[in-house]
PDB file of N, CA and C in Angstrom:
ATOM      1  N   MET A   1       0.833  -1.195   0.011  1.00  0.00           N
ATOM      2  CA  MET A   1      -0.019   0.004   0.017  1.00  0.00           C
ATOM      3  C   MET A   1       0.869   1.262   0.002  1.00  0.00           C
ATOM      4  N   VAL A   2       1.963   1.261   0.777  1.00  0.00           N
ATOM      5  CA  VAL A   2       2.816   2.433   0.849  1.00  0.00           C
ATOM      6  C   VAL A   2       3.441   2.697  -0.527  1.00  0.00           C
ATOM      7  N   LYS A   3       3.881   1.613  -1.196  1.00  0.00           N
ATOM      8  CA  LYS A   3       4.459   1.760  -2.521  1.00  0.00           C
ATOM      9  C   LYS A   3       3.499   2.406  -3.512  1.00  0.00           C
ATOM     10  N   PHE A   4       2.257   1.956  -3.503  1.00  0.00           N
ATOM     11  CA  PHE A   4       1.233   2.536  -4.405  1.00  0.00           C
ATOM     12  C   PHE A   4       1.043   4.039  -4.050  1.00  0.00           C
ATOM     13  N   SER A   5       0.983   4.357  -2.771  1.00  0.00           N
ATOM     14  CA  SER A   5       0.800   5.764  -2.327  1.00  0.00           C
ATOM     15  C   SER A   5       1.984   6.624  -2.819  1.00  0.00           C
ATOM     16  N   LEU A   6       3.191   6.120  -2.744  1.00  0.00           N
ATOM     17  CA  LEU A   6       4.310   6.867  -3.156  1.00  0.00           C
ATOM     18  C   LEU A   6       4.353   7.104  -4.659  1.00  0.00           C
ATOM     19  N   ILE A   7       3.987   6.043  -5.435  1.00  0.00           N
ATOM     20  CA  ILE A   7       3.868   6.200  -6.868  1.00  0.00           C
ATOM     21  C   ILE A   7       2.831   7.280  -7.210  1.00  0.00           C
ATOM     22  N   PHE A   8       1.673   7.176  -6.542  1.00  0.00           N
ATOM     23  CA  PHE A   8       0.615   8.093  -6.839  1.00  0.00           C
ATOM     24  C   PHE A   8       1.005   9.519  -6.500  1.00  0.00           C
ATOM     25  N   LEU A   9       1.642   9.719  -5.340  1.00  0.00           N
ATOM     26  CA  LEU A   9       2.046  11.094  -4.966  1.00  0.00           C
ATOM     27  C   LEU A   9       3.029  11.661  -5.911  1.00  0.00           C
ATOM     28  N   SER A  10       3.964  10.841  -6.451  1.00  0.00           N
ATOM     29  CA  SER A  10       4.931  11.359  -7.415  1.00  0.00           C
ATOM     30  C   SER A  10       4.234  11.848  -8.634  1.00  0.00           C
ATOM     31  N   PHE A  11       3.171  11.189  -9.068  1.00  0.00           N
ATOM     32  CA  PHE A  11       2.441  11.689 -10.244  1.00  0.00           C
ATOM     33  C   PHE A  11       1.635  12.909  -9.916  1.00  0.00           C
ATOM     34  N   LEU A  12       1.138  13.069  -8.741  1.00  0.00           N
ATOM     35  CA  LEU A  12       0.391  14.258  -8.390  1.00  0.00           C
ATOM     36  C   LEU A  12       1.302  15.505  -8.502  1.00  0.00           C
ATOM     37  N   PHE A  13       2.546  15.400  -7.946  1.00  0.00           N
ATOM     38  CA  PHE A  13       3.419  16.519  -8.042  1.00  0.00           C
ATOM     39  C   PHE A  13       3.794  16.809  -9.488  1.00  0.00           C
ATOM     40  N   ALA A  14       3.994  15.829 -10.254  1.00  0.00           N
ATOM     41  CA  ALA A  14       4.406  16.044 -11.694  1.00  0.00           C
ATOM     42  C   ALA A  14       3.291  16.664 -12.505  1.00  0.00           C
ATOM     43  N   PHE A  15       2.013  16.472 -12.097  1.00  0.00           N
ATOM     44  CA  PHE A  15       0.920  16.901 -12.947  1.00  0.00           C
ATOM     45  C   PHE A  15       0.042  17.917 -12.247  1.00  0.00           C
ATOM     46  N   ASN A  16       0.551  18.739 -11.392  1.00  0.00           N
ATOM     47  CA  ASN A  16      -0.281  19.723 -10.691  1.00  0.00           C
ATOM     48  C   ASN A  16      -0.919  20.725 -11.670  1.00  0.00           C
ATOM     49  N   SER A  17      -0.406  20.846 -12.866  1.00  0.00           N
ATOM     50  CA  SER A  17      -0.977  21.776 -13.795  1.00  0.00           C
ATOM     51  C   SER A  17      -2.376  21.346 -14.266  1.00  0.00           C
ATOM     52  N   PHE A  18      -2.676  20.038 -14.096  1.00  0.00           N
ATOM     53  CA  PHE A  18      -3.982  19.584 -14.442  1.00  0.00           C
ATOM     54  C   PHE A  18      -5.070  19.978 -13.451  1.00  0.00           C
ATOM     55  N   ALA A  19      -4.652  20.510 -12.319  1.00  0.00           N
ATOM     56  CA  ALA A  19      -5.554  20.861 -11.243  1.00  0.00           C
ATOM     57  C   ALA A  19      -6.544  21.952 -11.638  1.00  0.00           C
ATOM     58  N   GLU A  20      -6.230  22.590 -12.710  1.00  0.00           N
ATOM     59  CA  GLU A  20      -7.139  23.699 -13.147  1.00  0.00           C
ATOM     60  C   GLU A  20      -8.379  23.226 -13.814  1.00  0.00           C
ATOM     61  N   ASP A  21      -8.396  21.987 -14.305  1.00  0.00           N
ATOM     62  CA  ASP A  21      -9.650  21.566 -14.969  1.00  0.00           C
ATOM     63  C   ASP A  21     -10.658  21.051 -13.920  1.00  0.00           C
ATOM     64  N   ASN A  22     -11.923  21.163 -14.212  1.00  0.00           N
ATOM     65  CA  ASN A  22     -13.019  20.849 -13.271  1.00  0.00           C
ATOM     66  C   ASN A  22     -13.041  19.423 -12.817  1.00  0.00           C
ATOM     67  N   PHE A  23     -12.503  18.527 -13.592  1.00  0.00           N
ATOM     68  CA  PHE A  23     -12.645  17.145 -13.231  1.00  0.00           C
ATOM     69  C   PHE A  23     -11.299  16.511 -12.754  1.00  0.00           C
ATOM     70  N   TYR A  24     -10.322  17.371 -12.453  1.00  0.00           N
ATOM     71  CA  TYR A  24      -9.033  16.856 -12.019  1.00  0.00           C
ATOM     72  C   TYR A  24      -9.115  15.978 -10.769  1.00  0.00           C
ATOM     73  N   LYS A  25      -9.856  16.419  -9.769  1.00  0.00           N
ATOM     74  CA  LYS A  25      -9.970  15.638  -8.539  1.00  0.00           C
ATOM     75  C   LYS A  25     -10.614  14.277  -8.813  1.00  0.00           C
ATOM     76  N   GLU A  26     -11.651  14.214  -9.647  1.00  0.00           N
ATOM     77  CA  GLU A  26     -12.294  12.995  -9.943  1.00  0.00           C
ATOM     78  C   GLU A  26     -11.330  12.062 -10.682  1.00  0.00           C
ATOM     79  N   ARG A  27     -10.561  12.636 -11.591  1.00  0.00           N
ATOM     80  CA  ARG A  27      -9.598  11.832 -12.405  1.00  0.00           C
ATOM     81  C   ARG A  27      -8.486  11.336 -11.476  1.00  0.00           C
ATOM     82  N   LYS A  28      -7.975  12.186 -10.589  1.00  0.00           N
ATOM     83  CA  LYS A  28      -6.925  11.775  -9.663  1.00  0.00           C
ATOM     84  C   LYS A  28      -7.420  10.661  -8.748  1.00  0.00           C
ATOM     85  N   ASP A  29      -8.633  10.793  -8.203  1.00  0.00           N
ATOM     86  CA  ASP A  29      -9.193   9.781  -7.316  1.00  0.00           C
ATOM     87  C   ASP A  29      -9.411   8.454  -8.090  1.00  0.00           C
ATOM     88  N   MET A  30      -9.870   8.550  -9.356  1.00  0.00           N
ATOM     89  CA  MET A  30     -10.038   7.418 -10.199  1.00  0.00           C
ATOM     90  C   MET A  30      -8.782   6.653 -10.391  1.00  0.00           C
ATOM     91  N   VAL A  31      -7.672   7.406 -10.672  1.00  0.00           N
ATOM     92  CA  VAL A  31      -6.423   6.740 -10.889  1.00  0.00           C
ATOM     93  C   VAL A  31      -5.910   6.047  -9.642  1.00  0.00           C
ATOM     94  N   TYR A  32      -6.049   6.662  -8.538  1.00  0.00           N
ATOM     95  CA  TYR A  32      -5.587   6.057  -7.280  1.00  0.00           C
ATOM     96  C   TYR A  32      -6.412   4.887  -6.915  1.00  0.00           C
ATOM     97  N   ASN A  33      -7.703   5.073  -6.825  1.00  0.00           N
ATOM     98  CA  ASN A  33      -8.627   4.059  -6.324  1.00  0.00           C
ATOM     99  C   ASN A  33      -8.958   2.905  -7.275  1.00  0.00           C
ATOM    100  N   GLN A  34      -9.033   3.193  -8.583  1.00  0.00           N
ATOM    101  CA  GLN A  34      -9.402   2.211  -9.553  1.00  0.00           C
ATOM    102  C   GLN A  34      -8.245   1.588 -10.304  1.00  0.00           C
ATOM    103  N   ILE A  35      -7.150   2.387 -10.412  1.00  0.00           N
ATOM    104  CA  ILE A  35      -6.071   1.961 -11.247  1.00  0.00           C
ATOM    105  C   ILE A  35      -4.839   1.430 -10.406  1.00  0.00           C
ATOM    106  N   ILE A  36      -4.293   2.293  -9.613  1.00  0.00           N
ATOM    107  CA  ILE A  36      -3.138   1.943  -8.819  1.00  0.00           C
ATOM    108  C   ILE A  36      -3.475   0.889  -7.725  1.00  0.00           C
ATOM    109  N   LYS A  37      -4.552   1.086  -7.044  1.00  0.00           N
ATOM    110  CA  LYS A  37      -4.899   0.100  -5.975  1.00  0.00           C
ATOM    111  C   LYS A  37      -5.179  -1.251  -6.511  1.00  0.00           C
ATOM    112  N   ARG A  38      -5.609  -1.348  -7.737  1.00  0.00           N
ATOM    113  CA  ARG A  38      -5.846  -2.655  -8.359  1.00  0.00           C
ATOM    114  C   ARG A  38      -4.640  -3.271  -9.044  1.00  0.00           C
ATOM    115  N   GLY A  39      -3.513  -2.642  -8.916  1.00  0.00           N
ATOM    116  CA  GLY A  39      -2.270  -3.306  -9.363  1.00  0.00           C
ATOM    117  C   GLY A  39      -1.643  -2.775 -10.641  1.00  0.00           C
ATOM    118  N   ILE A  40      -2.185  -1.752 -11.237  1.00  0.00           N
ATOM    119  CA  ILE A  40      -1.565  -1.239 -12.489  1.00  0.00           C
ATOM    120  C   ILE A  40      -0.279  -0.495 -11.981  1.00  0.00           C
ATOM    121  N   LYS A  41       0.899  -0.890 -12.599  1.00  0.00           N
ATOM    122  CA  LYS A  41       2.173  -0.351 -12.178  1.00  0.00           C
ATOM    123  C   LYS A  41       2.883   0.458 -13.246  1.00  0.00           C
ATOM    124  N   ASP A  42       2.514   0.286 -14.490  1.00  0.00           N
ATOM    125  CA  ASP A  42       3.220   0.982 -15.583  1.00  0.00           C
ATOM    126  C   ASP A  42       2.984   2.466 -15.465  1.00  0.00           C
ATOM    127  N   LYS A  43       4.090   3.194 -15.222  1.00  0.00           N
ATOM    128  CA  LYS A  43       4.008   4.611 -14.987  1.00  0.00           C
ATOM    129  C   LYS A  43       3.454   5.345 -16.192  1.00  0.00           C
ATOM    130  N   LYS A  44       3.742   4.873 -17.371  1.00  0.00           N
ATOM    131  CA  LYS A  44       3.191   5.562 -18.577  1.00  0.00           C
ATOM    132  C   LYS A  44       1.694   5.397 -18.679  1.00  0.00           C
ATOM    133  N   VAL A  45       1.164   4.251 -18.279  1.00  0.00           N
ATOM    134  CA  VAL A  45      -0.263   4.021 -18.263  1.00  0.00           C
ATOM    135  C   VAL A  45      -0.925   4.921 -17.223  1.00  0.00           C
ATOM    136  N   ILE A  46      -0.281   4.972 -16.018  1.00  0.00           N
ATOM    137  CA  ILE A  46      -0.832   5.819 -14.981  1.00  0.00           C
ATOM    138  C   ILE A  46      -0.784   7.283 -15.425  1.00  0.00           C
ATOM    139  N   ASN A  47       0.273   7.668 -16.002  1.00  0.00           N
ATOM    140  CA  ASN A  47       0.381   9.044 -16.480  1.00  0.00           C
ATOM    141  C   ASN A  47      -0.713   9.377 -17.502  1.00  0.00           C
ATOM    142  N   ALA A  48      -0.868   8.464 -18.433  1.00  0.00           N
ATOM    143  CA  ALA A  48      -1.934   8.655 -19.512  1.00  0.00           C
ATOM    144  C   ALA A  48      -3.314   8.769 -18.807  1.00  0.00           C
ATOM    145  N   MET A  49      -3.598   7.890 -17.876  1.00  0.00           N
ATOM    146  CA  MET A  49      -4.910   7.969 -17.236  1.00  0.00           C
ATOM    147  C   MET A  49      -5.117   9.266 -16.435  1.00  0.00           C
ATOM    148  N   LEU A  50      -4.023   9.841 -15.957  1.00  0.00           N
ATOM    149  CA  LEU A  50      -4.132  11.132 -15.293  1.00  0.00           C
ATOM    150  C   LEU A  50      -4.345  12.269 -16.316  1.00  0.00           C
ATOM    151  N   LYS A  51      -3.747  12.103 -17.441  1.00  0.00           N
ATOM    152  CA  LYS A  51      -3.797  13.189 -18.499  1.00  0.00           C
ATOM    153  C   LYS A  51      -5.104  13.207 -19.282  1.00  0.00           C
ATOM    154  N   VAL A  52      -5.620  11.997 -19.659  1.00  0.00           N
ATOM    155  CA  VAL A  52      -6.760  12.004 -20.533  1.00  0.00           C
ATOM    156  C   VAL A  52      -8.032  12.425 -19.847  1.00  0.00           C
ATOM    157  N   LYS A  53      -8.651  13.385 -20.418  1.00  0.00           N
ATOM    158  CA  LYS A  53      -9.907  13.988 -19.833  1.00  0.00           C
ATOM    159  C   LYS A  53     -11.057  13.142 -20.367  1.00  0.00           C
ATOM    160  N   ARG A  54     -11.341  12.063 -19.623  1.00  0.00           N
ATOM    161  CA  ARG A  54     -12.353  11.099 -20.045  1.00  0.00           C
ATOM    162  C   ARG A  54     -13.696  11.753 -20.221  1.00  0.00           C
ATOM    163  N   HIS A  55     -14.005  12.759 -19.463  1.00  0.00           N
ATOM    164  CA  HIS A  55     -15.307  13.380 -19.511  1.00  0.00           C
ATOM    165  C   HIS A  55     -15.573  14.002 -20.914  1.00  0.00           C
ATOM    166  N   LEU A  56     -14.548  14.275 -21.675  1.00  0.00           N
ATOM    167  CA  LEU A  56     -14.725  14.821 -22.992  1.00  0.00           C
ATOM    168  C   LEU A  56     -15.136  13.811 -24.077  1.00  0.00           C
ATOM    169  N   PHE A  57     -15.107  12.534 -23.645  1.00  0.00           N
ATOM    170  CA  PHE A  57     -15.512  11.480 -24.579  1.00  0.00           C
ATOM    171  C   PHE A  57     -16.881  10.925 -24.352  1.00  0.00           C
ATOM    172  N   VAL A  58     -17.598  11.494 -23.458  1.00  0.00           N
ATOM    173  CA  VAL A  58     -18.952  11.055 -23.140  1.00  0.00           C
ATOM    174  C   VAL A  58     -19.962  12.241 -23.353  1.00  0.00           C
ATOM    175  N   PRO A  59     -21.204  11.891 -23.561  1.00  0.00           N
ATOM    176  CA  PRO A  59     -22.188  12.952 -23.700  1.00  0.00           C
ATOM    177  C   PRO A  59     -22.201  13.880 -22.501  1.00  0.00           C
ATOM    178  N   LYS A  60     -22.531  15.122 -22.751  1.00  0.00           N
ATOM    179  CA  LYS A  60     -22.530  16.150 -21.626  1.00  0.00           C
ATOM    180  C   LYS A  60     -23.333  15.696 -20.417  1.00  0.00           C
ATOM    181  N   ASN A  61     -24.481  15.080 -20.638  1.00  0.00           N
ATOM    182  CA  ASN A  61     -25.340  14.714 -19.547  1.00  0.00           C
ATOM    183  C   ASN A  61     -24.727  13.539 -18.686  1.00  0.00           C
ATOM    184  N   LEU A  62     -23.708  12.916 -19.175  1.00  0.00           N
ATOM    185  CA  LEU A  62     -23.043  11.831 -18.444  1.00  0.00           C
ATOM    186  C   LEU A  62     -21.678  12.189 -17.948  1.00  0.00           C
ATOM    187  N   GLN A  63     -21.211  13.434 -18.168  1.00  0.00           N
ATOM    188  CA  GLN A  63     -19.859  13.823 -17.800  1.00  0.00           C
ATOM    189  C   GLN A  63     -19.611  13.656 -16.335  1.00  0.00           C
ATOM    190  N   LYS A  64     -20.590  13.875 -15.517  1.00  0.00           N
ATOM    191  CA  LYS A  64     -20.379  13.746 -14.086  1.00  0.00           C
ATOM    192  C   LYS A  64     -20.068  12.303 -13.663  1.00  0.00           C
ATOM    193  N   LEU A  65     -20.384  11.317 -14.530  1.00  0.00           N
ATOM    194  CA  LEU A  65     -20.135   9.922 -14.263  1.00  0.00           C
ATOM    195  C   LEU A  65     -18.876   9.409 -14.952  1.00  0.00           C
ATOM    196  N   ALA A  66     -18.176  10.258 -15.679  1.00  0.00           N
ATOM    197  CA  ALA A  66     -17.072   9.785 -16.506  1.00  0.00           C
ATOM    198  C   ALA A  66     -15.971   9.080 -15.785  1.00  0.00           C
ATOM    199  N   TYR A  67     -15.756   9.402 -14.502  1.00  0.00           N
ATOM    200  CA  TYR A  67     -14.636   8.793 -13.757  1.00  0.00           C
ATOM    201  C   TYR A  67     -15.065   7.741 -12.753  1.00  0.00           C
ATOM    202  N   LYS A  68     -16.317   7.307 -12.882  1.00  0.00           N
ATOM    203  CA  LYS A  68     -16.820   6.192 -12.070  1.00  0.00           C
ATOM    204  C   LYS A  68     -16.295   4.859 -12.598  1.00  0.00           C
ATOM    205  N   ASP A  69     -16.426   3.815 -11.791  1.00  0.00           N
ATOM    206  CA  ASP A  69     -15.961   2.526 -12.128  1.00  0.00           C
ATOM    207  C   ASP A  69     -16.955   1.731 -12.932  1.00  0.00           C
ATOM    208  N   SER A  70     -17.324   2.291 -14.072  1.00  0.00           N
ATOM    209  CA  SER A  70     -18.293   1.589 -14.936  1.00  0.00           C
ATOM    210  C   SER A  70     -18.144   2.081 -16.412  1.00  0.00           C
ATOM    211  N   PRO A  71     -18.576   1.220 -17.315  1.00  0.00           N
ATOM    212  CA  PRO A  71     -18.613   1.729 -18.750  1.00  0.00           C
ATOM    213  C   PRO A  71     -19.745   2.740 -18.885  1.00  0.00           C
ATOM    214  N   LEU A  72     -19.700   3.547 -19.902  1.00  0.00           N
ATOM    215  CA  LEU A  72     -20.733   4.566 -20.186  1.00  0.00           C
ATOM    216  C   LEU A  72     -21.133   4.505 -21.631  1.00  0.00           C
ATOM    217  N   PRO A  73     -22.386   4.732 -21.953  1.00  0.00           N
ATOM    218  CA  PRO A  73     -22.802   4.818 -23.375  1.00  0.00           C
ATOM    219  C   PRO A  73     -22.208   6.109 -24.029  1.00  0.00           C
ATOM    220  N   ILE A  74     -21.777   5.910 -25.247  1.00  0.00           N
ATOM    221  CA  ILE A  74     -21.265   7.066 -26.004  1.00  0.00           C
ATOM    222  C   ILE A  74     -22.000   7.311 -27.305  1.00  0.00           C
ATOM    223  N   GLY A  75     -23.065   6.581 -27.478  1.00  0.00           N
ATOM    224  CA  GLY A  75     -23.886   6.736 -28.754  1.00  0.00           C
ATOM    225  C   GLY A  75     -23.626   5.584 -29.654  1.00  0.00           C
ATOM    226  N   GLU A  76     -24.604   5.460 -30.633  1.00  0.00           N
ATOM    227  CA  GLU A  76     -24.493   4.395 -31.710  1.00  0.00           C
ATOM    228  C   GLU A  76     -24.357   3.014 -31.074  1.00  0.00           C
ATOM    229  N   ASN A  77     -25.002   2.767 -29.976  1.00  0.00           N
ATOM    230  CA  ASN A  77     -24.895   1.469 -29.249  1.00  0.00           C
ATOM    231  C   ASN A  77     -23.525   1.069 -28.831  1.00  0.00           C
ATOM    232  N   GLN A  78     -22.674   2.040 -28.611  1.00  0.00           N
ATOM    233  CA  GLN A  78     -21.302   1.822 -28.174  1.00  0.00           C
ATOM    234  C   GLN A  78     -21.101   2.312 -26.767  1.00  0.00           C
ATOM    235  N   THR A  79     -20.078   1.815 -26.099  1.00  0.00           N
ATOM    236  CA  THR A  79     -19.724   2.293 -24.744  1.00  0.00           C
ATOM    237  C   THR A  79     -18.237   2.576 -24.658  1.00  0.00           C
ATOM    238  N   ILE A  80     -17.937   3.421 -23.675  1.00  0.00           N
ATOM    239  CA  ILE A  80     -16.550   3.628 -23.307  1.00  0.00           C
ATOM    240  C   ILE A  80     -16.329   2.735 -22.148  1.00  0.00           C
ATOM    241  N   SER A  81     -15.238   1.938 -22.199  1.00  0.00           N
ATOM    242  CA  SER A  81     -15.005   0.958 -21.130  1.00  0.00           C
ATOM    243  C   SER A  81     -14.670   1.595 -19.828  1.00  0.00           C
ATOM    244  N   GLN A  82     -14.879   0.851 -18.710  1.00  0.00           N
ATOM    245  CA  GLN A  82     -14.581   1.384 -17.392  1.00  0.00           C
ATOM    246  C   GLN A  82     -13.052   1.649 -17.353  1.00  0.00           C
ATOM    247  N   PRO A  83     -12.646   2.661 -16.564  1.00  0.00           N
ATOM    248  CA  PRO A  83     -11.266   3.052 -16.527  1.00  0.00           C
ATOM    249  C   PRO A  83     -10.254   1.972 -16.238  1.00  0.00           C
ATOM    250  N   TYR A  84     -10.600   1.111 -15.289  1.00  0.00           N
ATOM    251  CA  TYR A  84      -9.628   0.040 -14.921  1.00  0.00           C
ATOM    252  C   TYR A  84      -9.379  -0.907 -16.174  1.00  0.00           C
ATOM    253  N   ILE A  85     -10.416  -1.218 -16.893  1.00  0.00           N
ATOM    254  CA  ILE A  85     -10.273  -2.123 -18.005  1.00  0.00           C
ATOM    255  C   ILE A  85      -9.383  -1.466 -19.065  1.00  0.00           C
ATOM    256  N   VAL A  86      -9.565  -0.182 -19.341  1.00  0.00           N
ATOM    257  CA  VAL A  86      -8.719   0.600 -20.260  1.00  0.00           C
ATOM    258  C   VAL A  86      -7.262   0.452 -19.825  1.00  0.00           C
ATOM    259  N   ALA A  87      -7.019   0.752 -18.514  1.00  0.00           N
ATOM    260  CA  ALA A  87      -5.652   0.754 -17.991  1.00  0.00           C
ATOM    261  C   ALA A  87      -5.038  -0.615 -18.111  1.00  0.00           C
ATOM    262  N   LEU A  88      -5.820  -1.645 -17.741  1.00  0.00           N
ATOM    263  CA  LEU A  88      -5.323  -3.030 -17.774  1.00  0.00           C
ATOM    264  C   LEU A  88      -4.956  -3.443 -19.185  1.00  0.00           C
ATOM    265  N   MET A  89      -5.832  -3.202 -20.117  1.00  0.00           N
ATOM    266  CA  MET A  89      -5.580  -3.572 -21.526  1.00  0.00           C
ATOM    267  C   MET A  89      -4.366  -2.866 -22.064  1.00  0.00           C
ATOM    268  N   THR A  90      -4.224  -1.615 -21.665  1.00  0.00           N
ATOM    269  CA  THR A  90      -3.092  -0.794 -22.146  1.00  0.00           C
ATOM    270  C   THR A  90      -1.788  -1.316 -21.506  1.00  0.00           C
ATOM    271  N   GLU A  91      -1.809  -1.608 -20.241  1.00  0.00           N
ATOM    272  CA  GLU A  91      -0.597  -2.160 -19.580  1.00  0.00           C
ATOM    273  C   GLU A  91      -0.189  -3.484 -20.183  1.00  0.00           C
ATOM    274  N   LEU A  92      -1.168  -4.348 -20.485  1.00  0.00           N
ATOM    275  CA  LEU A  92      -0.870  -5.682 -21.019  1.00  0.00           C
ATOM    276  C   LEU A  92      -0.245  -5.640 -22.412  1.00  0.00           C
ATOM    277  N   LEU A  93      -0.463  -4.502 -23.116  1.00  0.00           N
ATOM    278  CA  LEU A  93       0.154  -4.300 -24.392  1.00  0.00           C
ATOM    279  C   LEU A  93       1.682  -4.156 -24.284  1.00  0.00           C
ATOM    280  N   GLU A  94       2.169  -3.724 -23.168  1.00  0.00           N
ATOM    281  CA  GLU A  94       3.619  -3.513 -22.920  1.00  0.00           C
ATOM    282  C   GLU A  94       4.228  -2.649 -24.059  1.00  0.00           C
ATOM    283  N   LEU A  95       3.564  -1.511 -24.303  1.00  0.00           N
ATOM    284  CA  LEU A  95       4.007  -0.635 -25.378  1.00  0.00           C
ATOM    285  C   LEU A  95       5.421  -0.046 -25.087  1.00  0.00           C
ATOM    286  N   LYS A  96       6.120   0.170 -26.169  1.00  0.00           N
ATOM    287  CA  LYS A  96       7.419   0.807 -26.063  1.00  0.00           C
ATOM    288  C   LYS A  96       7.335   2.073 -26.896  1.00  0.00           C
ATOM    289  N   GLU A  97       8.283   2.984 -26.619  1.00  0.00           N
ATOM    290  CA  GLU A  97       8.290   4.292 -27.324  1.00  0.00           C
ATOM    291  C   GLU A  97       8.392   4.087 -28.848  1.00  0.00           C
ATOM    292  N   THR A  98       8.975   3.017 -29.265  1.00  0.00           N
ATOM    293  CA  THR A  98       9.191   2.797 -30.736  1.00  0.00           C
ATOM    294  C   THR A  98       8.000   2.110 -31.395  1.00  0.00           C
ATOM    295  N   ASP A  99       7.025   1.711 -30.655  1.00  0.00           N
ATOM    296  CA  ASP A  99       5.814   1.047 -31.214  1.00  0.00           C
ATOM    297  C   ASP A  99       5.026   2.070 -32.062  1.00  0.00           C
ATOM    298  N   LYS A 100       4.563   1.608 -33.226  1.00  0.00           N
ATOM    299  CA  LYS A 100       3.770   2.406 -34.075  1.00  0.00           C
ATOM    300  C   LYS A 100       2.475   1.696 -34.430  1.00  0.00           C
ATOM    301  N   PHE A 101       1.432   2.446 -34.644  1.00  0.00           N
ATOM    302  CA  PHE A 101       0.109   1.861 -35.037  1.00  0.00           C
ATOM    303  C   PHE A 101      -0.345   2.377 -36.316  1.00  0.00           C
TER     304      PHE A 101
END
């Protein structure tokens, strides 16, 4: 638990510029409680989850739910996966800086 907390705190200090957006606290809490506590360790994945403004990818009326631990509808019978699943799938890819898509 202490190791997770230290990793999380290091990212908070590195990304305090994100504090200006309205959903920063929700995103920070999501990363700590749903991502780090569940075992995601890849710093680049954690960094990406802190940076990406998930609320911008869902309809306005659902933005307040964007950082909850659940998938959300995004239209056309599609959903955005819950944050942990996104982080897990991304970590499992073991991406390197040289990888291209």
